[in-house]
Amino acid sequence: MSMNADDLIALLQQHFPDAFIQAANQGNKFDVRVVDASFEGKRLVQRQQAVYGLVNEKIASGDIHALNIQALTPEEWAAQQARSE
């Protein structure tokens, strides 16, 4: 059974219960955005590792071939939204 964007969101939501999560996939290549207060004060690489750690098994099994992660704090997300309006 191959994974889809909803599966990825469900997996991440378990570990980031209060996060706003968006995901999209084309085959087994995924783009994911996780907006969570737990990223506050963490460097980009630490944020990405937090997400990668949860999906390593899916990458190892081939369910996920590529993963593009955007990990933002709520403030960063709000600023990004304001810029795009």
N, C-alpha and C. Protein backbone atom coordinates (compact mmCIF):
# COMPACT_ATOMS: atom_id res chain seq x y z
N MET A 1 0.84 -1.18 0.00
CA MET A 1 0.00 0.00 0.00
C MET A 1 0.89 1.24 0.00
N SER A 2 0.70 2.09 -0.97
CA SER A 2 1.55 3.28 -1.02
C SER A 2 0.94 4.39 -0.17
N MET A 3 1.80 5.25 0.26
CA MET A 3 1.42 6.34 1.15
C MET A 3 0.93 7.53 0.33
N ASN A 4 -0.03 8.27 0.89
CA ASN A 4 -0.44 9.51 0.23
C ASN A 4 -0.32 10.67 1.22
N ALA A 5 -0.65 11.87 0.77
CA ALA A 5 -0.50 13.07 1.60
C ALA A 5 -1.29 12.96 2.90
N ASP A 6 -2.51 12.41 2.84
CA ASP A 6 -3.32 12.28 4.05
C ASP A 6 -2.67 11.34 5.07
N ASP A 7 -2.04 10.27 4.57
CA ASP A 7 -1.34 9.34 5.47
C ASP A 7 -0.19 10.04 6.18
N LEU A 8 0.54 10.85 5.42
CA LEU A 8 1.68 11.58 5.99
C LEU A 8 1.19 12.58 7.05
N ILE A 9 0.12 13.29 6.75
CA ILE A 9 -0.44 14.24 7.72
C ILE A 9 -0.85 13.50 8.99
N ALA A 10 -1.53 12.37 8.84
CA ALA A 10 -1.98 11.60 10.01
C ALA A 10 -0.79 11.14 10.85
N LEU A 11 0.27 10.70 10.20
CA LEU A 11 1.48 10.24 10.90
C LEU A 11 2.10 11.39 11.69
N LEU A 12 2.26 12.53 11.05
CA LEU A 12 2.89 13.67 11.70
C LEU A 12 2.01 14.28 12.79
N GLN A 13 0.70 14.25 12.59
CA GLN A 13 -0.24 14.84 13.55
C GLN A 13 -0.15 14.14 14.91
N GLN A 14 0.20 12.86 14.91
CA GLN A 14 0.34 12.13 16.17
C GLN A 14 1.45 12.73 17.03
N HIS A 15 2.49 13.23 16.38
CA HIS A 15 3.65 13.75 17.11
C HIS A 15 3.61 15.27 17.26
N PHE A 16 2.83 15.91 16.42
CA PHE A 16 2.65 17.37 16.49
C PHE A 16 1.14 17.64 16.59
N PRO A 17 0.52 17.29 17.74
CA PRO A 17 -0.95 17.34 17.84
C PRO A 17 -1.55 18.73 17.63
N ASP A 18 -0.79 19.77 17.95
CA ASP A 18 -1.33 21.13 17.82
C ASP A 18 -0.89 21.82 16.54
N ALA A 19 -0.18 21.10 15.69
CA ALA A 19 0.39 21.72 14.49
C ALA A 19 -0.63 21.89 13.37
N PHE A 20 -0.34 22.85 12.53
CA PHE A 20 -1.04 23.00 11.26
C PHE A 20 -0.14 22.28 10.25
N ILE A 21 -0.67 21.27 9.58
CA ILE A 21 0.14 20.46 8.67
C ILE A 21 -0.52 20.40 7.30
N GLN A 22 0.27 20.66 6.29
CA GLN A 22 -0.19 20.51 4.90
C GLN A 22 0.79 19.57 4.21
N ALA A 23 0.27 18.74 3.33
CA ALA A 23 1.14 17.85 2.56
C ALA A 23 0.56 17.64 1.18
N ALA A 24 1.45 17.42 0.24
CA ALA A 24 1.05 17.10 -1.13
C ALA A 24 2.06 16.09 -1.65
N ASN A 25 1.59 15.24 -2.53
CA ASN A 25 2.54 14.28 -3.09
C ASN A 25 2.27 14.06 -4.57
N GLN A 26 3.33 13.72 -5.24
CA GLN A 26 3.28 13.29 -6.63
C GLN A 26 3.99 11.94 -6.61
N GLY A 27 3.22 10.87 -6.68
CA GLY A 27 3.82 9.56 -6.50
C GLY A 27 4.36 9.45 -5.10
N ASN A 28 5.65 9.07 -4.97
CA ASN A 28 6.23 8.93 -3.63
C ASN A 28 7.17 10.09 -3.30
N LYS A 29 6.97 11.22 -3.94
CA LYS A 29 7.70 12.45 -3.62
C LYS A 29 6.73 13.39 -2.91
N PHE A 30 7.13 13.84 -1.74
CA PHE A 30 6.24 14.61 -0.88
C PHE A 30 6.77 16.00 -0.56
N ASP A 31 5.85 16.94 -0.46
CA ASP A 31 6.11 18.28 0.08
C ASP A 31 5.26 18.38 1.33
N VAL A 32 5.88 18.79 2.42
CA VAL A 32 5.12 18.91 3.66
C VAL A 32 5.46 20.22 4.36
N ARG A 33 4.44 20.83 4.94
CA ARG A 33 4.62 22.04 5.74
C ARG A 33 4.07 21.73 7.12
N VAL A 34 4.91 21.94 8.13
CA VAL A 34 4.49 21.73 9.52
C VAL A 34 4.69 23.06 10.25
N VAL A 35 3.60 23.58 10.78
CA VAL A 35 3.66 24.83 11.54
C VAL A 35 3.37 24.49 12.99
N ASP A 36 4.39 24.64 13.85
CA ASP A 36 4.23 24.21 15.23
C ASP A 36 5.09 25.07 16.16
N ALA A 37 4.56 25.38 17.31
CA ALA A 37 5.28 26.20 18.29
C ALA A 37 6.54 25.50 18.82
N SER A 38 6.59 24.18 18.72
CA SER A 38 7.76 23.45 19.22
C SER A 38 9.03 23.77 18.42
N PHE A 39 8.89 24.39 17.25
CA PHE A 39 10.06 24.75 16.45
C PHE A 39 10.71 26.05 16.92
N GLU A 40 10.04 26.74 17.83
CA GLU A 40 10.55 28.00 18.36
C GLU A 40 11.96 27.82 18.91
N GLY A 41 12.89 28.67 18.47
CA GLY A 41 14.26 28.62 18.99
C GLY A 41 15.12 27.51 18.41
N LYS A 42 14.58 26.73 17.47
CA LYS A 42 15.37 25.65 16.88
C LYS A 42 15.87 26.06 15.50
N ARG A 43 17.08 25.61 15.17
CA ARG A 43 17.64 25.88 13.85
C ARG A 43 16.89 25.05 12.80
N LEU A 44 16.97 25.48 11.57
CA LEU A 44 16.29 24.81 10.46
C LEU A 44 16.60 23.32 10.43
N VAL A 45 17.88 22.98 10.58
CA VAL A 45 18.27 21.57 10.50
C VAL A 45 17.64 20.76 11.65
N GLN A 46 17.53 21.36 12.83
CA GLN A 46 16.90 20.65 13.96
C GLN A 46 15.42 20.42 13.70
N ARG A 47 14.78 21.40 13.09
CA ARG A 47 13.36 21.27 12.77
C ARG A 47 13.15 20.15 11.76
N GLN A 48 13.99 20.14 10.73
CA GLN A 48 13.85 19.10 9.69
C GLN A 48 14.15 17.72 10.25
N GLN A 49 15.14 17.63 11.15
CA GLN A 49 15.45 16.34 11.77
C GLN A 49 14.27 15.83 12.59
N ALA A 50 13.56 16.74 13.25
CA ALA A 50 12.40 16.35 14.05
C ALA A 50 11.34 15.69 13.17
N VAL A 51 11.17 16.22 11.96
CA VAL A 51 10.19 15.66 11.03
C VAL A 51 10.74 14.39 10.37
N TYR A 52 11.98 14.44 9.89
CA TYR A 52 12.59 13.26 9.26
C TYR A 52 12.58 12.05 10.20
N GLY A 53 12.85 12.31 11.49
CA GLY A 53 12.89 11.22 12.46
C GLY A 53 11.59 10.42 12.50
N LEU A 54 10.49 11.10 12.24
CA LEU A 54 9.19 10.45 12.29
C LEU A 54 8.88 9.64 11.04
N VAL A 55 9.55 9.96 9.94
CA VAL A 55 9.23 9.29 8.66
C VAL A 55 10.38 8.45 8.13
N ASN A 56 11.47 8.33 8.91
CA ASN A 56 12.63 7.54 8.47
C ASN A 56 12.25 6.15 7.99
N GLU A 57 11.35 5.51 8.73
CA GLU A 57 10.90 4.16 8.40
C GLU A 57 10.24 4.14 7.01
N LYS A 58 9.45 5.16 6.73
CA LYS A 58 8.75 5.25 5.43
C LYS A 58 9.74 5.51 4.30
N ILE A 59 10.81 6.26 4.60
CA ILE A 59 11.85 6.52 3.59
C ILE A 59 12.62 5.22 3.34
N ALA A 60 12.97 4.53 4.42
CA ALA A 60 13.72 3.28 4.31
C ALA A 60 12.95 2.22 3.51
N SER A 61 11.62 2.20 3.70
CA SER A 61 10.81 1.19 3.01
C SER A 61 10.51 1.57 1.56
N GLY A 62 10.80 2.86 1.21
CA GLY A 62 10.52 3.30 -0.15
C GLY A 62 9.14 3.92 -0.32
N ASP A 63 8.33 3.93 0.76
CA ASP A 63 7.02 4.58 0.68
C ASP A 63 7.18 6.06 0.35
N ILE A 64 8.25 6.65 0.90
CA ILE A 64 8.58 8.04 0.59
C ILE A 64 9.95 8.04 -0.08
N HIS A 65 9.99 8.56 -1.29
CA HIS A 65 11.25 8.61 -2.02
C HIS A 65 11.97 9.93 -1.76
N ALA A 66 11.22 11.00 -1.74
CA ALA A 66 11.79 12.33 -1.51
C ALA A 66 10.84 13.12 -0.63
N LEU A 67 11.41 13.91 0.25
CA LEU A 67 10.60 14.69 1.18
C LEU A 67 11.16 16.10 1.26
N ASN A 68 10.33 17.06 0.91
CA ASN A 68 10.69 18.47 1.01
C ASN A 68 9.94 19.03 2.22
N ILE A 69 10.68 19.45 3.23
CA ILE A 69 10.08 19.87 4.50
C ILE A 69 10.18 21.38 4.68
N GLN A 70 9.06 21.96 5.02
CA GLN A 70 9.03 23.35 5.47
C GLN A 70 8.54 23.30 6.91
N ALA A 71 9.40 23.60 7.86
CA ALA A 71 9.05 23.55 9.27
C ALA A 71 9.12 24.96 9.84
N LEU A 72 7.96 25.49 10.20
CA LEU A 72 7.85 26.90 10.60
C LEU A 72 7.22 27.05 11.97
N THR A 73 7.56 28.15 12.63
CA THR A 73 6.84 28.52 13.85
C THR A 73 5.56 29.22 13.40
N PRO A 74 4.57 29.32 14.29
CA PRO A 74 3.34 30.05 13.91
C PRO A 74 3.63 31.49 13.47
N GLU A 75 4.59 32.14 14.11
CA GLU A 75 4.94 33.52 13.74
C GLU A 75 5.52 33.58 12.33
N GLU A 76 6.41 32.63 12.01
CA GLU A 76 7.01 32.60 10.67
C GLU A 76 5.94 32.33 9.61
N TRP A 77 5.01 31.45 9.92
CA TRP A 77 3.94 31.12 8.99
C TRP A 77 3.05 32.35 8.75
N ALA A 78 2.71 33.06 9.84
CA ALA A 78 1.87 34.26 9.73
C ALA A 78 2.57 35.31 8.87
N ALA A 79 3.88 35.48 9.07
CA ALA A 79 4.65 36.45 8.28
C ALA A 79 4.66 36.06 6.80
N GLN A 80 4.81 34.76 6.55
CA GLN A 80 4.82 34.25 5.18
C GLN A 80 3.47 34.48 4.51
N GLN A 81 2.41 34.25 5.26
CA GLN A 81 1.04 34.48 4.75
C GLN A 81 0.84 35.95 4.41
N ALA A 82 1.31 36.82 5.29
CA ALA A 82 1.13 38.25 5.09
C ALA A 82 1.87 38.72 3.83
N ARG A 83 3.05 38.15 3.60
CA ARG A 83 3.83 38.51 2.39
C ARG A 83 3.15 38.08 1.12
N SER A 84 2.44 36.96 1.17
CA SER A 84 1.86 36.40 -0.06
C SER A 84 0.49 37.01 -0.39
N GLU A 85 -0.04 37.86 0.50
CA GLU A 85 -1.35 38.45 0.25
C GLU A 85 -1.24 39.66 -0.65
